[in-house]
Amino acid sequence: MAKRVNLALRKQEAFQALQRKDFARAERLLRQVCKGAPRDAQAWFFLGATYGELGRYERAVECCRRVLELEPNNAPALMNLGNAQACLGRHEAAAEAYRRALELAPEDPAVLYNYGKALSLAGRHEEAVECLRRVVAKRLN
């Protein structure tokens, strides 16, 4: 019980650090939470987002994959996975993550835009144009 309370407090401190953009502190705290509660998908999600903010994209990918092991239908984790893969120049992998996110959140213009951008960077221009047309259509409606 005391361990669970301690982890909850550390998680809360980590969220406060994230709000202050103190990513180094948030990383330390979230690593502790993930170690003590390895099935806490929310902690893994925010640790991955923190790694993204720190430019540690390989670590961000690992954390996103961990979230998806725990919650396969987590669209925000798929979006973050796509973002990290894109930052690493892995545009096909990014496109696949965004495609999966789009299946879960078909009306999200940010997912659709990122999917189109990744497709373009992967050389899949016709598919990219279609995605970006859909983004524009959503914005106009």
N, C-alpha and C. Protein backbone atom coordinates (compact mmCIF):
# COMPACT_ATOMS: atom_id res chain seq x y z
N MET A 1 0.83 -1.19 0.00
CA MET A 1 0.00 0.00 0.00
C MET A 1 0.87 1.25 0.00
N ALA A 2 1.89 1.28 0.87
CA ALA A 2 2.77 2.46 0.94
C ALA A 2 3.52 2.64 -0.38
N LYS A 3 3.91 1.52 -0.99
CA LYS A 3 4.62 1.59 -2.28
C LYS A 3 3.72 2.23 -3.34
N ARG A 4 2.46 1.81 -3.35
CA ARG A 4 1.52 2.34 -4.33
C ARG A 4 1.30 3.84 -4.14
N VAL A 5 1.19 4.26 -2.89
CA VAL A 5 1.01 5.68 -2.59
C VAL A 5 2.24 6.46 -3.02
N ASN A 6 3.43 5.92 -2.72
CA ASN A 6 4.68 6.58 -3.11
C ASN A 6 4.77 6.73 -4.63
N LEU A 7 4.40 5.68 -5.36
CA LEU A 7 4.43 5.75 -6.82
C LEU A 7 3.42 6.77 -7.34
N ALA A 8 2.26 6.83 -6.72
CA ALA A 8 1.24 7.80 -7.14
C ALA A 8 1.74 9.22 -6.90
N LEU A 9 2.43 9.43 -5.79
CA LEU A 9 2.99 10.76 -5.51
C LEU A 9 4.07 11.12 -6.52
N ARG A 10 4.92 10.17 -6.84
CA ARG A 10 5.97 10.43 -7.84
C ARG A 10 5.37 10.73 -9.21
N LYS A 11 4.32 10.02 -9.54
CA LYS A 11 3.65 10.25 -10.81
C LYS A 11 3.06 11.66 -10.84
N GLN A 12 2.44 12.06 -9.75
CA GLN A 12 1.88 13.41 -9.66
C GLN A 12 2.98 14.46 -9.76
N GLU A 13 4.09 14.23 -9.09
CA GLU A 13 5.24 15.15 -9.19
C GLU A 13 5.75 15.22 -10.63
N ALA A 14 5.76 14.08 -11.30
CA ALA A 14 6.22 14.05 -12.70
C ALA A 14 5.31 14.88 -13.58
N PHE A 15 4.00 14.77 -13.37
CA PHE A 15 3.06 15.56 -14.17
C PHE A 15 3.26 17.05 -13.92
N GLN A 16 3.53 17.41 -12.67
CA GLN A 16 3.80 18.82 -12.36
C GLN A 16 5.08 19.28 -13.04
N ALA A 17 6.09 18.42 -13.04
CA ALA A 17 7.35 18.76 -13.72
C ALA A 17 7.12 18.94 -15.22
N LEU A 18 6.28 18.10 -15.80
CA LEU A 18 5.96 18.24 -17.23
C LEU A 18 5.28 19.57 -17.51
N GLN A 19 4.38 19.97 -16.63
CA GLN A 19 3.69 21.26 -16.82
C GLN A 19 4.68 22.42 -16.77
N ARG A 20 5.71 22.27 -15.96
CA ARG A 20 6.75 23.31 -15.85
C ARG A 20 7.81 23.17 -16.94
N LYS A 21 7.67 22.12 -17.76
CA LYS A 21 8.65 21.80 -18.81
C LYS A 21 10.01 21.43 -18.23
N ASP A 22 9.99 20.86 -17.04
CA ASP A 22 11.20 20.34 -16.40
C ASP A 22 11.29 18.87 -16.79
N PHE A 23 11.71 18.64 -18.03
CA PHE A 23 11.67 17.30 -18.60
C PHE A 23 12.68 16.35 -17.95
N ALA A 24 13.81 16.87 -17.51
CA ALA A 24 14.81 16.00 -16.86
C ALA A 24 14.23 15.42 -15.57
N ARG A 25 13.57 16.26 -14.78
CA ARG A 25 12.96 15.78 -13.53
C ARG A 25 11.81 14.82 -13.83
N ALA A 26 10.99 15.18 -14.79
CA ALA A 26 9.88 14.31 -15.16
C ALA A 26 10.39 12.94 -15.60
N GLU A 27 11.46 12.93 -16.37
CA GLU A 27 12.03 11.65 -16.81
C GLU A 27 12.45 10.79 -15.62
N ARG A 28 13.19 11.40 -14.70
CA ARG A 28 13.65 10.63 -13.52
C ARG A 28 12.47 10.03 -12.76
N LEU A 29 11.48 10.85 -12.50
CA LEU A 29 10.32 10.40 -11.73
C LEU A 29 9.53 9.33 -12.48
N LEU A 30 9.31 9.53 -13.75
CA LEU A 30 8.53 8.56 -14.53
C LEU A 30 9.27 7.24 -14.70
N ARG A 31 10.58 7.29 -14.81
CA ARG A 31 11.34 6.02 -14.85
C ARG A 31 11.12 5.23 -13.57
N GLN A 32 11.11 5.93 -12.43
CA GLN A 32 10.87 5.27 -11.15
C GLN A 32 9.47 4.66 -11.11
N VAL A 33 8.49 5.42 -11.60
CA VAL A 33 7.12 4.91 -11.61
C VAL A 33 7.02 3.68 -12.51
N CYS A 34 7.60 3.75 -13.69
CA CYS A 34 7.53 2.62 -14.63
C CYS A 34 8.24 1.39 -14.08
N LYS A 35 9.32 1.61 -13.37
CA LYS A 35 10.04 0.48 -12.76
C LYS A 35 9.18 -0.16 -11.66
N GLY A 36 8.54 0.66 -10.85
CA GLY A 36 7.72 0.15 -9.75
C GLY A 36 6.35 -0.34 -10.18
N ALA A 37 5.86 0.17 -11.29
CA ALA A 37 4.53 -0.21 -11.79
C ALA A 37 4.62 -0.44 -13.30
N PRO A 38 5.23 -1.54 -13.71
CA PRO A 38 5.51 -1.75 -15.13
C PRO A 38 4.27 -1.92 -16.02
N ARG A 39 3.09 -2.04 -15.42
CA ARG A 39 1.86 -2.16 -16.21
C ARG A 39 1.07 -0.86 -16.24
N ASP A 40 1.70 0.23 -15.80
CA ASP A 40 1.04 1.55 -15.80
C ASP A 40 1.23 2.19 -17.17
N ALA A 41 0.25 1.99 -18.05
CA ALA A 41 0.35 2.49 -19.42
C ALA A 41 0.46 4.01 -19.46
N GLN A 42 -0.24 4.69 -18.55
CA GLN A 42 -0.19 6.15 -18.53
C GLN A 42 1.22 6.64 -18.22
N ALA A 43 1.88 6.01 -17.27
CA ALA A 43 3.26 6.40 -16.93
C ALA A 43 4.18 6.17 -18.12
N TRP A 44 4.04 5.02 -18.79
CA TRP A 44 4.86 4.75 -19.98
C TRP A 44 4.58 5.76 -21.08
N PHE A 45 3.30 6.12 -21.25
CA PHE A 45 2.94 7.11 -22.27
C PHE A 45 3.64 8.44 -22.01
N PHE A 46 3.56 8.91 -20.77
CA PHE A 46 4.16 10.20 -20.47
C PHE A 46 5.69 10.14 -20.45
N LEU A 47 6.25 8.97 -20.11
CA LEU A 47 7.70 8.83 -20.21
C LEU A 47 8.13 8.92 -21.67
N GLY A 48 7.37 8.28 -22.55
CA GLY A 48 7.67 8.37 -23.98
C GLY A 48 7.56 9.79 -24.50
N ALA A 49 6.51 10.50 -24.07
CA ALA A 49 6.35 11.89 -24.49
C ALA A 49 7.50 12.75 -23.97
N THR A 50 7.95 12.45 -22.76
CA THR A 50 9.08 13.18 -22.18
C THR A 50 10.35 12.93 -22.98
N TYR A 51 10.58 11.67 -23.34
CA TYR A 51 11.75 11.37 -24.17
C TYR A 51 11.66 12.10 -25.51
N GLY A 52 10.47 12.21 -26.06
CA GLY A 52 10.30 12.97 -27.29
C GLY A 52 10.70 14.42 -27.11
N GLU A 53 10.28 15.02 -26.00
CA GLU A 53 10.64 16.41 -25.72
C GLU A 53 12.15 16.58 -25.54
N LEU A 54 12.79 15.54 -25.04
CA LEU A 54 14.24 15.58 -24.81
C LEU A 54 15.03 15.20 -26.07
N GLY A 55 14.33 14.85 -27.15
CA GLY A 55 15.02 14.46 -28.38
C GLY A 55 15.59 13.06 -28.34
N ARG A 56 15.12 12.26 -27.41
CA ARG A 56 15.60 10.88 -27.27
C ARG A 56 14.56 9.96 -27.91
N TYR A 57 14.55 9.98 -29.23
CA TYR A 57 13.46 9.36 -29.98
C TYR A 57 13.46 7.84 -29.93
N GLU A 58 14.64 7.22 -29.86
CA GLU A 58 14.67 5.75 -29.73
C GLU A 58 13.99 5.33 -28.44
N ARG A 59 14.27 6.05 -27.36
CA ARG A 59 13.62 5.75 -26.08
C ARG A 59 12.12 6.00 -26.17
N ALA A 60 11.74 7.07 -26.87
CA ALA A 60 10.31 7.37 -27.05
C ALA A 60 9.62 6.21 -27.77
N VAL A 61 10.26 5.69 -28.80
CA VAL A 61 9.70 4.55 -29.54
C VAL A 61 9.52 3.36 -28.60
N GLU A 62 10.52 3.06 -27.79
CA GLU A 62 10.43 1.94 -26.85
C GLU A 62 9.25 2.11 -25.91
N CYS A 63 9.08 3.31 -25.38
CA CYS A 63 7.98 3.57 -24.44
C CYS A 63 6.63 3.44 -25.13
N CYS A 64 6.52 3.97 -26.33
CA CYS A 64 5.26 3.86 -27.08
C CYS A 64 4.92 2.39 -27.33
N ARG A 65 5.91 1.61 -27.67
CA ARG A 65 5.67 0.18 -27.90
C ARG A 65 5.21 -0.50 -26.62
N ARG A 66 5.76 -0.09 -25.50
CA ARG A 66 5.34 -0.65 -24.21
C ARG A 66 3.88 -0.31 -23.94
N VAL A 67 3.51 0.95 -24.19
CA VAL A 67 2.10 1.35 -24.02
C VAL A 67 1.21 0.46 -24.89
N LEU A 68 1.62 0.25 -26.13
CA LEU A 68 0.80 -0.51 -27.07
C LEU A 68 0.74 -1.99 -26.72
N GLU A 69 1.74 -2.51 -26.02
CA GLU A 69 1.65 -3.88 -25.49
C GLU A 69 0.54 -3.95 -24.45
N LEU A 70 0.44 -2.90 -23.64
CA LEU A 70 -0.55 -2.86 -22.56
C LEU A 70 -1.93 -2.44 -23.07
N GLU A 71 -1.95 -1.54 -24.03
CA GLU A 71 -3.21 -1.00 -24.57
C GLU A 71 -3.09 -0.89 -26.10
N PRO A 72 -3.35 -1.98 -26.81
CA PRO A 72 -3.13 -1.99 -28.26
C PRO A 72 -3.93 -0.94 -29.04
N ASN A 73 -5.02 -0.48 -28.50
CA ASN A 73 -5.87 0.49 -29.20
C ASN A 73 -5.70 1.91 -28.67
N ASN A 74 -4.52 2.25 -28.23
CA ASN A 74 -4.25 3.58 -27.69
C ASN A 74 -3.82 4.49 -28.83
N ALA A 75 -4.77 5.26 -29.37
CA ALA A 75 -4.49 6.13 -30.53
C ALA A 75 -3.43 7.19 -30.22
N PRO A 76 -3.47 7.86 -29.05
CA PRO A 76 -2.41 8.84 -28.77
C PRO A 76 -1.01 8.21 -28.73
N ALA A 77 -0.90 6.97 -28.24
CA ALA A 77 0.40 6.30 -28.23
C ALA A 77 0.85 6.00 -29.66
N LEU A 78 -0.08 5.61 -30.52
CA LEU A 78 0.27 5.39 -31.93
C LEU A 78 0.70 6.69 -32.59
N MET A 79 0.03 7.78 -32.25
CA MET A 79 0.41 9.09 -32.80
C MET A 79 1.83 9.45 -32.34
N ASN A 80 2.11 9.27 -31.05
CA ASN A 80 3.45 9.56 -30.55
C ASN A 80 4.50 8.64 -31.15
N LEU A 81 4.13 7.38 -31.36
CA LEU A 81 5.05 6.44 -32.02
C LEU A 81 5.38 6.94 -33.43
N GLY A 82 4.36 7.36 -34.15
CA GLY A 82 4.58 7.91 -35.48
C GLY A 82 5.47 9.13 -35.45
N ASN A 83 5.23 10.01 -34.48
CA ASN A 83 6.05 11.22 -34.36
C ASN A 83 7.52 10.87 -34.11
N ALA A 84 7.76 9.93 -33.20
CA ALA A 84 9.14 9.55 -32.88
C ALA A 84 9.81 8.89 -34.09
N GLN A 85 9.07 8.00 -34.77
CA GLN A 85 9.63 7.35 -35.96
C GLN A 85 9.95 8.39 -37.03
N ALA A 86 9.07 9.37 -37.19
CA ALA A 86 9.32 10.43 -38.19
C ALA A 86 10.57 11.21 -37.83
N CYS A 87 10.75 11.52 -36.56
CA CYS A 87 11.95 12.26 -36.13
C CYS A 87 13.22 11.46 -36.38
N LEU A 88 13.10 10.14 -36.40
CA LEU A 88 14.24 9.27 -36.68
C LEU A 88 14.43 9.04 -38.18
N GLY A 89 13.55 9.63 -38.99
CA GLY A 89 13.65 9.46 -40.44
C GLY A 89 13.08 8.15 -40.94
N ARG A 90 12.33 7.47 -40.11
CA ARG A 90 11.72 6.19 -40.48
C ARG A 90 10.28 6.45 -40.96
N HIS A 91 10.17 6.96 -42.16
CA HIS A 91 8.88 7.46 -42.63
C HIS A 91 7.87 6.36 -42.92
N GLU A 92 8.31 5.20 -43.39
CA GLU A 92 7.37 4.08 -43.59
C GLU A 92 6.82 3.62 -42.24
N ALA A 93 7.69 3.50 -41.24
CA ALA A 93 7.24 3.09 -39.91
C ALA A 93 6.32 4.14 -39.31
N ALA A 94 6.64 5.40 -39.53
CA ALA A 94 5.77 6.48 -39.05
C ALA A 94 4.41 6.39 -39.72
N ALA A 95 4.40 6.19 -41.03
CA ALA A 95 3.13 6.09 -41.76
C ALA A 95 2.29 4.93 -41.24
N GLU A 96 2.93 3.82 -40.94
CA GLU A 96 2.19 2.67 -40.41
C GLU A 96 1.57 2.99 -39.05
N ALA A 97 2.31 3.66 -38.19
CA ALA A 97 1.77 4.04 -36.88
C ALA A 97 0.59 5.00 -37.04
N TYR A 98 0.74 5.99 -37.91
CA TYR A 98 -0.35 6.93 -38.15
C TYR A 98 -1.56 6.24 -38.78
N ARG A 99 -1.32 5.29 -39.68
CA ARG A 99 -2.42 4.55 -40.30
C ARG A 99 -3.23 3.81 -39.23
N ARG A 100 -2.52 3.18 -38.31
CA ARG A 100 -3.20 2.47 -37.22
C ARG A 100 -3.95 3.44 -36.32
N ALA A 101 -3.34 4.61 -36.06
CA ALA A 101 -4.02 5.62 -35.24
C ALA A 101 -5.27 6.12 -35.95
N LEU A 102 -5.19 6.26 -37.26
CA LEU A 102 -6.32 6.74 -38.05
C LEU A 102 -7.48 5.75 -38.01
N GLU A 103 -7.18 4.46 -37.93
CA GLU A 103 -8.24 3.46 -37.80
C GLU A 103 -9.03 3.68 -36.51
N LEU A 104 -8.33 4.13 -35.47
CA LEU A 104 -8.96 4.33 -34.15
C LEU A 104 -9.56 5.72 -34.01
N ALA A 105 -9.03 6.69 -34.74
CA ALA A 105 -9.49 8.08 -34.64
C ALA A 105 -9.64 8.65 -36.05
N PRO A 106 -10.60 8.13 -36.82
CA PRO A 106 -10.70 8.52 -38.24
C PRO A 106 -11.06 9.98 -38.48
N GLU A 107 -11.58 10.65 -37.50
CA GLU A 107 -11.97 12.05 -37.67
C GLU A 107 -10.91 13.04 -37.18
N ASP A 108 -9.79 12.54 -36.70
CA ASP A 108 -8.76 13.42 -36.14
C ASP A 108 -7.91 14.00 -37.27
N PRO A 109 -8.04 15.31 -37.54
CA PRO A 109 -7.28 15.89 -38.65
C PRO A 109 -5.77 15.89 -38.42
N ALA A 110 -5.33 15.93 -37.16
CA ALA A 110 -3.89 15.90 -36.88
C ALA A 110 -3.30 14.56 -37.29
N VAL A 111 -4.01 13.48 -36.99
CA VAL A 111 -3.53 12.15 -37.38
C VAL A 111 -3.50 12.05 -38.90
N LEU A 112 -4.56 12.50 -39.54
CA LEU A 112 -4.64 12.44 -41.00
C LEU A 112 -3.53 13.26 -41.65
N TYR A 113 -3.29 14.46 -41.11
CA TYR A 113 -2.22 15.31 -41.65
C TYR A 113 -0.85 14.63 -41.49
N ASN A 114 -0.58 14.11 -40.30
CA ASN A 114 0.72 13.46 -40.07
C ASN A 114 0.87 12.22 -40.94
N TYR A 115 -0.22 11.50 -41.14
CA TYR A 115 -0.18 10.34 -42.02
C TYR A 115 0.18 10.77 -43.44
N GLY A 116 -0.47 11.81 -43.93
CA GLY A 116 -0.17 12.32 -45.26
C GLY A 116 1.26 12.79 -45.40
N LYS A 117 1.74 13.47 -44.39
CA LYS A 117 3.13 13.96 -44.41
C LYS A 117 4.12 12.79 -44.44
N ALA A 118 3.86 11.77 -43.60
CA ALA A 118 4.75 10.60 -43.58
C ALA A 118 4.72 9.87 -44.91
N LEU A 119 3.53 9.74 -45.49
CA LEU A 119 3.42 9.09 -46.80
C LEU A 119 4.24 9.85 -47.84
N SER A 120 4.15 11.16 -47.81
CA SER A 120 4.92 11.98 -48.77
C SER A 120 6.41 11.77 -48.59
N LEU A 121 6.86 11.81 -47.34
CA LEU A 121 8.29 11.64 -47.06
C LEU A 121 8.77 10.22 -47.39
N ALA A 122 7.84 9.27 -47.38
CA ALA A 122 8.18 7.89 -47.74
C ALA A 122 8.11 7.68 -49.25
N GLY A 123 7.78 8.75 -50.00
CA GLY A 123 7.73 8.65 -51.45
C GLY A 123 6.40 8.15 -51.99
N ARG A 124 5.40 8.05 -51.14
CA ARG A 124 4.08 7.57 -51.54
C ARG A 124 3.17 8.78 -51.80
N HIS A 125 3.51 9.53 -52.84
CA HIS A 125 2.93 10.85 -53.07
C HIS A 125 1.43 10.84 -53.39
N GLU A 126 0.98 9.90 -54.18
CA GLU A 126 -0.45 9.88 -54.52
C GLU A 126 -1.30 9.66 -53.28
N GLU A 127 -0.89 8.73 -52.42
CA GLU A 127 -1.62 8.49 -51.18
C GLU A 127 -1.55 9.73 -50.28
N ALA A 128 -0.40 10.37 -50.27
CA ALA A 128 -0.22 11.57 -49.44
C ALA A 128 -1.16 12.68 -49.88
N VAL A 129 -1.25 12.89 -51.19
CA VAL A 129 -2.14 13.95 -51.71
C VAL A 129 -3.58 13.68 -51.29
N GLU A 130 -4.01 12.43 -51.38
CA GLU A 130 -5.38 12.09 -50.99
C GLU A 130 -5.61 12.38 -49.50
N CYS A 131 -4.66 12.04 -48.66
CA CYS A 131 -4.79 12.33 -47.22
C CYS A 131 -4.88 13.82 -46.97
N LEU A 132 -4.01 14.56 -47.61
CA LEU A 132 -3.98 16.00 -47.38
C LEU A 132 -5.23 16.68 -47.94
N ARG A 133 -5.79 16.14 -49.01
CA ARG A 133 -7.08 16.66 -49.50
C ARG A 133 -8.17 16.44 -48.45
N ARG A 134 -8.14 15.28 -47.82
CA ARG A 134 -9.13 14.99 -46.77
C ARG A 134 -8.96 15.94 -45.59
N VAL A 135 -7.71 16.28 -45.26
CA VAL A 135 -7.47 17.24 -44.17
C VAL A 135 -8.09 18.59 -44.52
N VAL A 136 -7.84 19.06 -45.73
CA VAL A 136 -8.38 20.35 -46.17
C VAL A 136 -9.91 20.31 -46.15
N ALA A 137 -10.49 19.22 -46.63
CA ALA A 137 -11.95 19.10 -46.64
C ALA A 137 -12.51 19.16 -45.22
N LYS A 138 -11.83 18.51 -44.28
CA LYS A 138 -12.29 18.54 -42.88
C LYS A 138 -12.20 19.96 -42.32
N ARG A 139 -11.16 20.67 -42.67
CA ARG A 139 -10.98 22.04 -42.17
C ARG A 139 -12.03 22.98 -42.74
N LEU A 140 -12.47 22.73 -43.98
CA LEU A 140 -13.44 23.61 -44.62
C LEU A 140 -14.87 23.35 -44.15
N ASN A 141 -15.11 22.16 -43.63
CA ASN A 141 -16.47 21.81 -43.17
C ASN A 141 -16.75 22.26 -41.79
